[in-house]
Amino acid sequence: MTRAVVIVGTGRTVHDDLQKAALFEADYMAINCAGFLLPFVPFKHWVTWHADFFEFWPLIRGLRYENSEPEPIDRIALHTGRQRRLWPSRLRWKPPTYWPALDMPNSLPLAVNIALNGLEYDRALLAGCPVDGNGAFYLPSGMSRDGYGKAEGDSVLSLLERFKGDGRVKSFSGRTRELFGEPEQ
């Protein structure tokens, strides 16, 4: 049986992409703040390049969605590429697993690398990861995150190109769909 993971970002397309992803049998992996902004998604994994944010992101998820959280935070495995000094005495959950050999300088390619080469999923399906510079779903229309434009998007796409050859990565929207193609069941 093929093991698939839906890697969930915060692009404007995320809600439409998640509806499409629901048709696939797969685990779910959050990237960055998707882990606390999308409480209805039953995340099994949570990845960020910013390991120090794991000191408080899970706490925000727990506080914000205490009565509606589908998975308690201790059931979500945290992952990062680079080891950072975290304050274990402040953590109320397991510290993240570090994947230094798989580290990449952006959370999306890092998540794909950990999913395929660390956790050994057969397929990675990108939802809410259009890399199109149109901003995040939580920002007003026409507003993008500071410093995130075409140049950063091009950089992320060039990092993702290493995963193009074998067809294991697909995307539901945007420039990543142009690069990898759309998932088929």
Foldseek 3Di string as FASTA:
>chain_A
DAAEEEEAEFAQQQVVLVVVVVVDPYAYEYEPLCVQVVQVHRHQEYEYQPQQCLLPSLVNSCVVQVPPRPDRPQRYAYEHADDDDYDVVSDPHDRHDYNVVLHDPGGPSSVVSCVCPVVNGQAYEYGSPQLAQQAGSVDPGPDHPPPRHDVVSVVVVVSCLVVQPPLRYAYDDHPRCVRRNHDDD
